[in-house]
N, C-alpha and C. Protein backbone atom coordinates (compact mmCIF):
# COMPACT_ATOMS: atom_id res chain seq x y z
N UNK A 1 109.88 121.34 72.49
CA UNK A 1 108.66 121.30 72.57
C UNK A 1 107.43 121.14 73.67
N UNK A 2 106.95 121.66 73.76
CA UNK A 2 105.56 121.36 74.65
C UNK A 2 105.17 119.83 74.68
N UNK A 3 104.69 118.78 76.05
CA UNK A 3 104.41 117.91 76.26
C UNK A 3 102.75 118.16 76.83
N UNK A 4 102.61 119.16 77.39
CA UNK A 4 101.17 118.97 77.86
C UNK A 4 100.68 120.59 77.16
N UNK A 5 99.47 120.59 77.36
CA UNK A 5 98.55 121.33 76.72
C UNK A 5 98.33 122.39 78.03
N UNK A 6 97.78 123.70 77.82
CA UNK A 6 97.26 124.73 79.22
C UNK A 6 96.67 124.30 79.78
N UNK A 7 95.50 123.39 78.80
CA UNK A 7 93.89 122.66 79.19
C UNK A 7 95.10 121.20 80.96
N UNK A 8 96.39 120.76 80.16
CA UNK A 8 96.46 119.39 81.03
C UNK A 8 97.39 119.66 82.06
N UNK A 9 98.60 120.99 81.90
CA UNK A 9 98.69 122.13 82.96
C UNK A 9 98.00 122.46 83.84
N UNK A 10 96.84 122.69 83.59
CA UNK A 10 96.22 123.41 84.63
C UNK A 10 95.61 122.65 85.59
N UNK A 11 95.49 121.22 85.00
CA UNK A 11 94.75 120.34 85.79
C UNK A 11 95.64 119.36 86.39
N UNK A 12 97.32 119.30 86.38
CA UNK A 12 98.49 118.52 87.13
C UNK A 12 98.57 118.87 88.52
N UNK A 13 98.08 117.77 88.86
CA UNK A 13 98.78 117.33 90.23
C UNK A 13 97.18 117.95 91.14
N UNK A 14 96.39 117.81 90.66
CA UNK A 14 95.00 118.30 91.61
C UNK A 14 93.17 117.69 91.07
N UNK A 15 92.73 117.37 91.60
CA UNK A 15 91.58 117.11 91.16
C UNK A 15 90.87 117.81 90.24
N UNK A 16 90.33 117.44 89.17
CA UNK A 16 89.86 118.46 87.92
C UNK A 16 88.24 118.26 88.08
N UNK A 17 87.82 116.50 88.65
CA UNK A 17 86.61 116.11 88.96
C UNK A 17 86.63 115.48 89.62
N UNK A 18 85.62 114.93 90.19
CA UNK A 18 84.73 113.80 90.85
C UNK A 18 85.59 112.69 90.46
N UNK A 19 86.24 111.97 91.24
CA UNK A 19 86.43 110.54 91.30
C UNK A 19 85.44 109.75 90.65
N UNK A 20 85.04 108.77 89.81
CA UNK A 20 84.17 107.83 89.27
C UNK A 20 84.34 107.19 90.21
N UNK A 21 83.35 106.23 90.16
CA UNK A 21 83.21 105.15 91.41
C UNK A 21 84.34 103.55 91.51
N UNK A 22 83.78 103.24 90.00
CA UNK A 22 85.53 102.58 90.13
C UNK A 22 87.18 102.98 90.23
N UNK A 23 86.77 104.09 90.76
CA UNK A 23 87.95 104.77 90.46
C UNK A 23 88.06 104.67 91.80
N UNK A 24 87.39 105.71 92.80
CA UNK A 24 87.17 105.45 94.37
C UNK A 24 87.60 103.82 94.72
N UNK A 25 86.50 103.04 94.02
CA UNK A 25 87.08 101.57 94.48
C UNK A 25 88.29 100.76 94.46
N UNK A 26 89.15 101.73 93.33
CA UNK A 26 90.88 101.03 92.76
C UNK A 26 91.62 101.75 94.03
N UNK A 27 90.77 103.41 93.77
CA UNK A 27 92.34 104.45 93.95
C UNK A 27 92.24 104.77 95.76
N UNK A 28 90.55 104.47 96.27
CA UNK A 28 90.85 105.02 97.70
C UNK A 28 90.19 103.64 98.28
N UNK A 29 90.67 102.50 98.04
CA UNK A 29 90.20 100.98 98.87
C UNK A 29 91.30 101.65 100.24
N UNK A 30 91.63 101.15 101.02
CA UNK A 30 92.43 100.99 102.48
C UNK A 30 91.99 99.87 102.73
N UNK A 31 93.37 99.05 102.61
CA UNK A 31 93.92 97.79 103.24
C UNK A 31 94.50 97.08 103.98
N UNK A 32 94.79 95.97 104.92
CA UNK A 32 95.15 96.58 105.54
C UNK A 32 96.16 96.46 106.64
N UNK A 33 97.29 97.07 105.41
CA UNK A 33 98.71 97.48 105.66
C UNK A 33 98.50 98.74 105.53
N UNK A 34 97.79 99.62 104.93
CA UNK A 34 96.44 100.91 105.18
C UNK A 34 96.40 101.30 106.44
N UNK A 35 95.32 100.53 107.07
CA UNK A 35 94.81 100.58 108.27
C UNK A 35 95.51 100.44 109.48
N UNK A 36 97.01 99.87 109.27
CA UNK A 36 97.77 99.82 110.49
C UNK A 36 98.23 101.36 110.01
N UNK A 37 99.01 101.46 109.21
CA UNK A 37 99.55 102.58 109.01
C UNK A 37 98.30 104.08 109.63
N UNK A 38 97.75 103.69 109.38
CA UNK A 38 96.25 104.71 109.68
C UNK A 38 95.59 104.82 111.04
N UNK A 39 96.19 103.78 111.77
CA UNK A 39 95.38 103.35 113.00
C UNK A 39 96.55 104.09 114.15
N UNK A 40 97.61 104.02 113.48
CA UNK A 40 98.82 104.51 114.61
C UNK A 40 98.79 106.00 114.65
N UNK A 41 97.76 106.63 114.17
CA UNK A 41 97.28 108.52 114.23
C UNK A 41 96.64 108.62 115.54
N UNK A 42 96.47 109.98 115.78
CA UNK A 42 95.53 110.33 117.43
C UNK A 42 94.57 111.00 117.01
N UNK A 43 93.05 110.44 116.76
CA UNK A 43 92.32 111.18 116.87
C UNK A 43 91.35 111.34 115.20
N UNK A 44 90.36 111.43 114.75
CA UNK A 44 89.89 111.02 113.75
C UNK A 44 90.44 112.00 112.24
N UNK A 45 90.75 113.29 113.23
CA UNK A 45 90.83 113.57 112.22
C UNK A 45 92.33 114.11 111.58
N UNK A 46 92.97 113.19 112.29
CA UNK A 46 94.18 112.90 111.80
C UNK A 46 94.68 111.50 111.04
N UNK A 47 93.75 110.49 111.58
CA UNK A 47 93.66 109.42 110.56
C UNK A 47 92.49 109.42 109.45
N UNK A 48 91.48 110.32 109.22
CA UNK A 48 90.88 110.45 107.99
C UNK A 48 92.27 111.46 107.09
N UNK A 49 93.08 112.62 107.79
CA UNK A 49 93.98 113.48 106.85
C UNK A 49 95.06 112.75 106.38
N UNK A 50 95.03 111.90 107.02
CA UNK A 50 96.35 110.29 107.00
C UNK A 50 96.18 109.78 105.51
N UNK A 51 94.50 108.94 105.82
CA UNK A 51 94.17 108.66 104.50
C UNK A 51 93.81 108.57 103.50
N UNK A 52 93.04 110.71 103.19
CA UNK A 52 93.33 111.00 102.29
C UNK A 52 94.45 111.40 101.30
N UNK A 53 95.82 111.33 102.28
CA UNK A 53 96.67 111.43 101.33
C UNK A 53 97.48 110.36 101.04
N UNK A 54 97.06 109.28 101.64
CA UNK A 54 97.55 108.26 101.21
C UNK A 54 96.71 107.92 100.04
N UNK A 55 95.45 108.17 99.75
CA UNK A 55 94.65 107.39 98.79
C UNK A 55 94.78 108.87 97.54
N UNK A 56 95.38 110.09 98.15
CA UNK A 56 95.57 110.91 96.50
C UNK A 56 96.39 110.80 96.09
N UNK A 57 97.93 109.94 96.23
CA UNK A 57 98.72 110.06 95.81
C UNK A 57 99.39 109.34 95.24
N UNK A 58 97.93 108.05 96.03
CA UNK A 58 97.68 106.71 94.82
C UNK A 58 96.70 107.39 93.72
N UNK A 59 95.98 108.17 93.66
CA UNK A 59 94.92 108.72 92.40
C UNK A 59 96.07 109.93 91.46
N UNK A 60 96.71 111.44 92.43
CA UNK A 60 96.68 111.79 91.52
C UNK A 60 98.94 111.19 91.28
N UNK A 61 98.95 110.73 91.43
CA UNK A 61 100.53 111.23 91.74
C UNK A 61 101.20 111.40 91.87
N UNK A 62 101.08 112.71 93.16
CA UNK A 62 101.74 113.41 93.45
C UNK A 62 100.69 113.80 95.03
N UNK A 63 100.85 114.52 95.76
CA UNK A 63 100.55 114.92 97.12
C UNK A 63 100.51 116.36 97.09
N UNK A 64 99.44 116.66 97.18
CA UNK A 64 98.83 118.02 97.23
C UNK A 64 98.72 119.02 97.78
N UNK A 65 99.26 120.36 97.37
CA UNK A 65 100.30 121.09 97.95
C UNK A 65 98.86 121.40 99.71
N UNK A 66 97.36 121.16 99.23
CA UNK A 66 96.78 121.60 100.94
C UNK A 66 95.92 120.49 100.70
N UNK A 67 96.14 119.43 101.40
CA UNK A 67 96.12 118.26 101.31
C UNK A 67 94.23 118.58 101.25
N UNK A 68 93.53 119.52 101.84
CA UNK A 68 92.03 118.86 101.14
C UNK A 68 91.50 119.45 100.26
N UNK A 69 92.18 119.45 99.60
CA UNK A 69 91.73 120.40 98.41
C UNK A 69 91.07 119.24 97.27
N UNK A 70 90.03 118.72 97.89
CA UNK A 70 89.82 117.76 96.85
C UNK A 70 88.32 117.48 97.11
N UNK A 71 87.76 116.98 95.99
CA UNK A 71 85.88 116.99 95.62
C UNK A 71 85.11 116.16 97.27
N UNK A 72 84.31 117.30 98.13
CA UNK A 72 83.59 116.05 99.15
C UNK A 72 83.29 114.65 99.23
N UNK A 73 82.88 114.93 97.79
CA UNK A 73 82.89 113.00 98.28
C UNK A 73 84.08 112.00 98.48
N UNK A 74 85.23 112.79 97.90
CA UNK A 74 86.75 111.67 98.61
C UNK A 74 86.56 111.79 100.07
N UNK A 75 86.23 112.24 100.62
CA UNK A 75 85.82 112.66 102.22
C UNK A 75 85.52 112.07 102.27
N UNK A 76 84.30 111.97 102.12
CA UNK A 76 82.93 111.09 102.71
C UNK A 76 83.07 110.04 102.40
N UNK A 77 83.56 109.46 101.24
CA UNK A 77 84.25 107.84 100.79
C UNK A 77 84.93 107.45 102.14
N UNK A 78 85.82 108.19 101.62
CA UNK A 78 87.73 107.36 102.70
C UNK A 78 87.21 107.11 104.27
N UNK A 79 86.08 108.08 104.99
CA UNK A 79 85.91 108.73 106.67
C UNK A 79 84.49 107.59 106.25
N UNK A 80 83.89 107.36 105.19
CA UNK A 80 83.22 106.00 105.61
C UNK A 80 83.98 104.72 105.73
N UNK A 81 84.81 104.35 104.90
CA UNK A 81 85.40 103.67 104.99
C UNK A 81 86.29 103.53 106.91
N UNK A 82 87.09 104.80 107.13
CA UNK A 82 87.34 104.45 108.30
C UNK A 82 86.65 103.93 109.49
N UNK A 83 85.28 104.60 108.95
CA UNK A 83 84.15 104.32 110.41
C UNK A 83 84.40 106.06 111.40
N UNK A 84 84.76 106.34 110.39
CA UNK A 84 84.49 108.25 110.79
C UNK A 84 82.97 108.93 111.08
N UNK A 85 82.35 109.08 111.60
CA UNK A 85 81.39 109.49 111.44
C UNK A 85 80.91 110.94 110.88
N UNK A 86 81.89 111.72 111.57
CA UNK A 86 81.43 112.93 111.37
C UNK A 86 82.38 113.78 110.07
N UNK A 87 82.97 113.59 108.92
CA UNK A 87 83.95 113.92 107.86
C UNK A 87 84.53 114.93 108.37
N UNK A 88 83.79 116.14 108.50
CA UNK A 88 83.86 117.99 109.06
C UNK A 88 84.83 117.70 109.99
N UNK A 89 85.48 116.76 110.63
CA UNK A 89 86.23 116.52 111.51
C UNK A 89 88.03 116.69 111.05
N UNK A 90 87.34 116.55 109.09
CA UNK A 90 89.10 116.63 108.95
C UNK A 90 89.53 118.16 108.45
N UNK A 91 88.69 118.87 108.58
CA UNK A 91 89.13 120.27 108.93
C UNK A 91 89.99 120.40 109.95
N UNK A 92 89.93 120.54 111.03
CA UNK A 92 91.06 120.38 111.68
C UNK A 92 92.57 119.90 111.13
N UNK A 93 92.90 118.85 110.19
CA UNK A 93 93.37 117.93 109.88
C UNK A 93 94.82 119.14 109.59
N UNK A 94 94.15 120.11 109.25
CA UNK A 94 95.83 121.19 108.60
C UNK A 94 95.86 122.38 109.76
N UNK A 95 95.56 122.28 111.01
CA UNK A 95 95.67 123.46 112.19
C UNK A 95 96.86 123.83 112.75
N UNK A 96 97.36 122.11 111.98
CA UNK A 96 99.07 122.15 112.57
C UNK A 96 99.72 122.42 111.37
N UNK A 97 100.42 122.83 110.78
CA UNK A 97 100.76 123.05 109.69
C UNK A 97 101.90 121.69 109.14
N UNK A 98 102.74 120.97 109.88
CA UNK A 98 104.20 120.08 109.91
C UNK A 98 102.85 119.33 110.20
N UNK A 99 102.64 118.56 110.42
CA UNK A 99 101.03 117.84 109.76
C UNK A 99 101.26 116.91 108.98
N UNK A 100 100.71 117.53 107.63
CA UNK A 100 100.52 117.12 106.43
C UNK A 100 101.88 116.86 105.97
N UNK A 101 102.71 117.55 106.41
CA UNK A 101 104.03 117.08 105.49
C UNK A 101 104.57 116.25 106.03
N UNK A 102 104.53 115.68 107.64
CA UNK A 102 104.99 114.74 108.28
C UNK A 102 104.52 113.34 107.63
N UNK A 103 103.30 113.71 107.55
CA UNK A 103 102.26 112.43 106.37
C UNK A 103 103.37 111.89 106.04
N UNK A 104 103.12 112.90 104.88
CA UNK A 104 103.85 113.00 103.39
C UNK A 104 105.43 111.66 103.97
N UNK A 105 105.92 112.60 104.22
CA UNK A 105 106.91 111.98 104.65
C UNK A 105 107.06 110.36 104.98
N UNK A 106 105.52 109.67 106.39
CA UNK A 106 105.43 108.49 107.11
C UNK A 106 105.09 107.75 105.31
N UNK A 107 104.09 108.44 104.63
CA UNK A 107 103.45 107.41 103.46
C UNK A 107 104.74 106.73 102.52
N UNK A 108 105.84 108.27 102.23
CA UNK A 108 106.46 107.96 101.11
C UNK A 108 107.31 106.44 101.11
N UNK A 109 107.50 106.47 102.49
CA UNK A 109 108.70 104.96 102.84
C UNK A 109 108.12 104.05 102.48
N UNK A 110 107.38 103.68 103.17
CA UNK A 110 106.77 101.99 102.97
C UNK A 110 106.35 101.57 101.66
N UNK A 111 105.64 102.77 101.33
CA UNK A 111 104.84 102.38 99.69
C UNK A 111 105.90 102.59 98.50
N UNK A 112 107.68 103.05 98.94
CA UNK A 112 108.33 103.29 98.09
C UNK A 112 107.93 104.95 96.65
N UNK A 113 106.92 105.91 97.42
CA UNK A 113 106.75 107.25 95.83
C UNK A 113 108.26 107.88 96.20
N UNK A 114 108.54 108.30 95.26
CA UNK A 114 110.42 109.38 94.93
C UNK A 114 109.54 110.32 94.58
N UNK A 115 110.54 111.47 95.16
CA UNK A 115 110.53 112.69 94.85
C UNK A 115 110.85 113.54 93.51
N UNK A 116 110.46 113.88 92.18
CA UNK A 116 111.70 113.92 91.15
C UNK A 116 112.30 114.92 91.48
C-alpha cells in the first residue's frame, strides 16, 4: 500500500514553494534561546547558515541535504532578523562541507530532534 502520491513523495523534504508570511512568522522566528545558539557561531555566513538550518527543520521536519536549497525569500527574511546586511554571505556557509553537518548535530540535541 502506498501512502504518498508521486507528487507528495517528490515534494517531501524540500521547499516546493515559498512559505507564506504566516508560515515565515511561525517557523522562521528566532527566540532568545535560538539567538544564544546562533550567537556562538563566528561570521555572518555561519550564523545565517546555522539559523536557516534551525528554522528549516522546524518548517519541513528534517534537515536539507543541501542546506541552502531554499527560496531566497527565506534567506532574506532570516538575515533581516539576524541583522545580517548582506544575505548573500550565506553562500560561504557550505565552503567547508562538515560545517552544515556539525551544525545539524548541534541543533538536534537542545531541540530534541531525532533521526528515524
